[in-house]
Amino acid sequence: MTTYTGNVAPGGTPDTRELSHLIITKLAVDEKMSNNCYVLRCRATDEQVLIDAADDAPALLSVLGTGRTTKVLTTHQHWDS
C-alpha cells in the first residue's frame, strides 16, 4: 500500500487517499500555474465532486473516469480565468 503524500506535479501521476467512506484524488495541471484539482468520491454512492477544475480536460476526465460526477466546485480563480 502506497502512503498518501499529496505531492503532485503537472503532468505527473495523481495521488489518491482512500478512507473508509471517501476516496480523495489530487492532481496538478498546467505547468505555468501548477493548479491543484481534487476529486472526492463517495464509496457508498459512487457520486463524485470535482473541486477546482482547471484547464486540462483530458487529465481531469481520466481521473473522473466513468464515475457519476454531480458537482463541480470552484474555490478561487487565477488571473487567467
N, C-alpha and C. Protein backbone atom coordinates (compact mmCIF):
# COMPACT_ATOMS: atom_id res chain seq x y z
N MET A 1 0.85 -1.18 0.00
CA MET A 1 0.00 0.00 0.00
C MET A 1 0.89 1.24 0.00
N THR A 2 0.59 2.17 -0.90
CA THR A 2 1.35 3.41 -1.00
C THR A 2 0.79 4.44 -0.03
N THR A 3 1.67 5.17 0.61
CA THR A 3 1.26 6.22 1.54
C THR A 3 0.92 7.49 0.78
N TYR A 4 -0.21 8.08 1.12
CA TYR A 4 -0.63 9.34 0.50
C TYR A 4 0.28 10.47 0.99
N THR A 5 0.84 11.21 0.04
CA THR A 5 1.67 12.36 0.39
C THR A 5 1.04 13.67 -0.04
N GLY A 6 0.20 13.63 -1.10
CA GLY A 6 -0.38 14.86 -1.64
C GLY A 6 0.59 15.61 -2.54
N ASN A 7 1.79 15.06 -2.72
CA ASN A 7 2.77 15.71 -3.59
C ASN A 7 2.48 15.32 -5.04
N VAL A 8 2.05 16.31 -5.82
CA VAL A 8 1.74 16.08 -7.23
C VAL A 8 2.40 17.17 -8.06
N ALA A 9 2.62 16.86 -9.32
CA ALA A 9 3.23 17.83 -10.24
C ALA A 9 2.45 17.81 -11.55
N PRO A 10 2.38 18.95 -12.23
CA PRO A 10 1.68 18.99 -13.51
C PRO A 10 2.25 17.93 -14.46
N GLY A 11 1.35 17.17 -15.08
CA GLY A 11 1.76 16.10 -15.99
C GLY A 11 2.14 14.82 -15.29
N GLY A 12 2.20 14.86 -13.96
CA GLY A 12 2.59 13.68 -13.20
C GLY A 12 1.40 12.84 -12.80
N THR A 13 1.68 11.84 -12.00
CA THR A 13 0.66 10.92 -11.53
C THR A 13 -0.16 11.54 -10.42
N PRO A 14 -1.50 11.41 -10.46
CA PRO A 14 -2.33 11.87 -9.34
C PRO A 14 -2.01 11.07 -8.08
N ASP A 15 -2.30 11.64 -6.93
CA ASP A 15 -2.11 10.94 -5.66
C ASP A 15 -3.49 10.69 -5.06
N THR A 16 -3.70 9.51 -4.53
CA THR A 16 -5.01 9.12 -4.02
C THR A 16 -4.93 8.70 -2.57
N ARG A 17 -5.88 9.19 -1.80
CA ARG A 17 -6.01 8.78 -0.40
C ARG A 17 -7.35 8.06 -0.25
N GLU A 18 -7.30 6.85 0.26
CA GLU A 18 -8.52 6.07 0.41
C GLU A 18 -8.89 5.96 1.88
N LEU A 19 -10.08 6.47 2.18
CA LEU A 19 -10.64 6.39 3.52
C LEU A 19 -11.80 5.40 3.51
N SER A 20 -12.36 5.12 4.64
CA SER A 20 -13.42 4.11 4.69
C SER A 20 -14.66 4.50 3.88
N HIS A 21 -15.01 5.78 3.83
CA HIS A 21 -16.22 6.21 3.12
C HIS A 21 -15.94 7.13 1.94
N LEU A 22 -14.69 7.51 1.74
CA LEU A 22 -14.37 8.53 0.75
C LEU A 22 -13.02 8.25 0.11
N ILE A 23 -12.93 8.51 -1.19
CA ILE A 23 -11.65 8.44 -1.90
C ILE A 23 -11.33 9.85 -2.40
N ILE A 24 -10.15 10.34 -2.06
CA ILE A 24 -9.71 11.68 -2.44
C ILE A 24 -8.57 11.54 -3.44
N THR A 25 -8.73 12.13 -4.60
CA THR A 25 -7.68 12.12 -5.60
C THR A 25 -7.26 13.55 -5.88
N LYS A 26 -5.97 13.79 -5.83
CA LYS A 26 -5.40 15.12 -6.09
C LYS A 26 -4.51 15.04 -7.32
N LEU A 27 -4.66 16.02 -8.21
CA LEU A 27 -3.76 16.10 -9.35
C LEU A 27 -3.43 17.56 -9.61
N ALA A 28 -2.31 17.78 -10.25
CA ALA A 28 -1.88 19.13 -10.61
C ALA A 28 -1.88 19.23 -12.13
N VAL A 29 -2.33 20.36 -12.62
CA VAL A 29 -2.35 20.60 -14.06
C VAL A 29 -1.77 21.98 -14.34
N ASP A 30 -1.36 22.21 -15.58
CA ASP A 30 -0.85 23.50 -16.06
C ASP A 30 0.53 23.80 -15.48
N GLU A 31 1.55 23.60 -16.30
CA GLU A 31 2.94 23.84 -15.88
C GLU A 31 3.14 25.25 -15.32
N LYS A 32 2.51 26.24 -15.94
CA LYS A 32 2.71 27.63 -15.54
C LYS A 32 2.04 27.95 -14.19
N MET A 33 0.80 27.47 -14.01
CA MET A 33 0.04 27.81 -12.81
C MET A 33 0.14 26.74 -11.71
N SER A 34 0.47 25.51 -12.09
CA SER A 34 0.51 24.38 -11.16
C SER A 34 -0.76 24.32 -10.32
N ASN A 35 -1.90 24.27 -10.99
CA ASN A 35 -3.20 24.22 -10.32
C ASN A 35 -3.43 22.85 -9.70
N ASN A 36 -3.89 22.84 -8.48
CA ASN A 36 -4.27 21.60 -7.81
C ASN A 36 -5.77 21.39 -7.97
N CYS A 37 -6.15 20.20 -8.38
CA CYS A 37 -7.54 19.82 -8.56
C CYS A 37 -7.79 18.59 -7.70
N TYR A 38 -9.03 18.43 -7.26
CA TYR A 38 -9.38 17.31 -6.39
C TYR A 38 -10.66 16.65 -6.87
N VAL A 39 -10.72 15.35 -6.71
CA VAL A 39 -11.95 14.59 -6.94
C VAL A 39 -12.25 13.85 -5.65
N LEU A 40 -13.44 14.07 -5.12
CA LEU A 40 -13.90 13.36 -3.93
C LEU A 40 -14.95 12.36 -4.39
N ARG A 41 -14.77 11.09 -4.06
CA ARG A 41 -15.73 10.06 -4.48
C ARG A 41 -16.25 9.31 -3.27
N CYS A 42 -17.57 9.29 -3.13
CA CYS A 42 -18.24 8.56 -2.06
C CYS A 42 -18.22 7.07 -2.38
N ARG A 43 -17.74 6.28 -1.48
CA ARG A 43 -17.69 4.83 -1.70
C ARG A 43 -19.09 4.21 -1.73
N ALA A 44 -20.03 4.77 -0.99
CA ALA A 44 -21.38 4.19 -0.89
C ALA A 44 -22.20 4.45 -2.15
N THR A 45 -22.11 5.66 -2.70
CA THR A 45 -22.97 6.04 -3.83
C THR A 45 -22.23 6.15 -5.15
N ASP A 46 -20.91 6.16 -5.11
CA ASP A 46 -20.05 6.37 -6.28
C ASP A 46 -20.21 7.79 -6.85
N GLU A 47 -20.85 8.67 -6.11
CA GLU A 47 -21.01 10.06 -6.51
C GLU A 47 -19.67 10.78 -6.36
N GLN A 48 -19.35 11.64 -7.34
CA GLN A 48 -18.09 12.37 -7.32
C GLN A 48 -18.33 13.87 -7.35
N VAL A 49 -17.41 14.59 -6.74
CA VAL A 49 -17.39 16.05 -6.78
C VAL A 49 -16.00 16.46 -7.26
N LEU A 50 -15.96 17.32 -8.26
CA LEU A 50 -14.70 17.85 -8.79
C LEU A 50 -14.49 19.22 -8.19
N ILE A 51 -13.34 19.44 -7.56
CA ILE A 51 -13.04 20.71 -6.92
C ILE A 51 -11.89 21.39 -7.65
N ASP A 52 -12.11 22.64 -8.01
CA ASP A 52 -11.12 23.48 -8.69
C ASP A 52 -10.68 22.90 -10.03
N ALA A 53 -11.66 22.65 -10.89
CA ALA A 53 -11.38 22.17 -12.25
C ALA A 53 -10.53 23.21 -12.97
N ALA A 54 -9.42 22.79 -13.50
CA ALA A 54 -8.53 23.69 -14.23
C ALA A 54 -8.54 23.31 -15.70
N ASP A 55 -7.79 24.04 -16.49
CA ASP A 55 -7.83 23.91 -17.94
C ASP A 55 -6.99 22.75 -18.46
N ASP A 56 -7.42 21.52 -18.13
CA ASP A 56 -6.78 20.32 -18.68
C ASP A 56 -7.83 19.21 -18.67
N ALA A 57 -8.78 19.34 -19.58
CA ALA A 57 -9.89 18.38 -19.64
C ALA A 57 -9.43 16.93 -19.73
N PRO A 58 -8.45 16.59 -20.59
CA PRO A 58 -8.04 15.18 -20.66
C PRO A 58 -7.55 14.62 -19.32
N ALA A 59 -6.77 15.39 -18.59
CA ALA A 59 -6.27 14.92 -17.29
C ALA A 59 -7.41 14.75 -16.29
N LEU A 60 -8.32 15.73 -16.26
CA LEU A 60 -9.45 15.66 -15.33
C LEU A 60 -10.38 14.50 -15.69
N LEU A 61 -10.67 14.33 -16.97
CA LEU A 61 -11.55 13.25 -17.38
C LEU A 61 -10.95 11.88 -17.09
N SER A 62 -9.63 11.77 -17.18
CA SER A 62 -9.01 10.47 -16.87
C SER A 62 -9.15 10.13 -15.39
N VAL A 63 -9.11 11.14 -14.54
CA VAL A 63 -9.29 10.89 -13.10
C VAL A 63 -10.76 10.63 -12.78
N LEU A 64 -11.66 11.34 -13.45
CA LEU A 64 -13.09 11.15 -13.20
C LEU A 64 -13.58 9.80 -13.72
N GLY A 65 -12.99 9.33 -14.81
CA GLY A 65 -13.41 8.04 -15.36
C GLY A 65 -14.89 8.03 -15.67
N THR A 66 -15.54 6.92 -15.36
CA THR A 66 -16.96 6.77 -15.66
C THR A 66 -17.82 7.01 -14.43
N GLY A 67 -17.23 7.55 -13.38
CA GLY A 67 -17.99 7.81 -12.16
C GLY A 67 -19.08 8.84 -12.39
N ARG A 68 -19.98 8.94 -11.46
CA ARG A 68 -21.13 9.84 -11.54
C ARG A 68 -20.77 11.18 -10.90
N THR A 69 -20.28 12.12 -11.71
CA THR A 69 -19.89 13.44 -11.21
C THR A 69 -21.14 14.31 -11.12
N THR A 70 -21.44 14.77 -9.91
CA THR A 70 -22.68 15.52 -9.70
C THR A 70 -22.46 17.00 -9.45
N LYS A 71 -21.25 17.39 -9.10
CA LYS A 71 -20.99 18.80 -8.82
C LYS A 71 -19.57 19.16 -9.24
N VAL A 72 -19.40 20.41 -9.62
CA VAL A 72 -18.09 20.99 -9.85
C VAL A 72 -18.03 22.25 -9.00
N LEU A 73 -17.08 22.31 -8.09
CA LEU A 73 -16.95 23.45 -7.18
C LEU A 73 -15.67 24.22 -7.48
N THR A 74 -15.76 25.54 -7.42
CA THR A 74 -14.60 26.39 -7.61
C THR A 74 -14.37 27.18 -6.34
N THR A 75 -13.19 27.04 -5.75
CA THR A 75 -12.89 27.74 -4.51
C THR A 75 -12.23 29.09 -4.73
N HIS A 76 -11.62 29.26 -5.91
CA HIS A 76 -10.93 30.52 -6.21
C HIS A 76 -10.64 30.58 -7.70
N GLN A 77 -10.19 31.72 -8.17
CA GLN A 77 -9.82 31.89 -9.57
C GLN A 77 -8.43 32.51 -9.66
N HIS A 78 -7.80 32.30 -10.78
CA HIS A 78 -6.49 32.88 -11.04
C HIS A 78 -6.63 34.00 -12.05
N TRP A 79 -5.57 34.72 -12.28
CA TRP A 79 -5.57 35.85 -13.20
C TRP A 79 -5.95 35.46 -14.63
N ASP A 80 -5.77 34.19 -14.97
CA ASP A 80 -6.06 33.74 -16.34
C ASP A 80 -7.49 33.26 -16.54
N SER A 81 -8.34 33.42 -15.54
CA SER A 81 -9.74 32.93 -15.62
C SER A 81 -10.59 33.85 -16.47
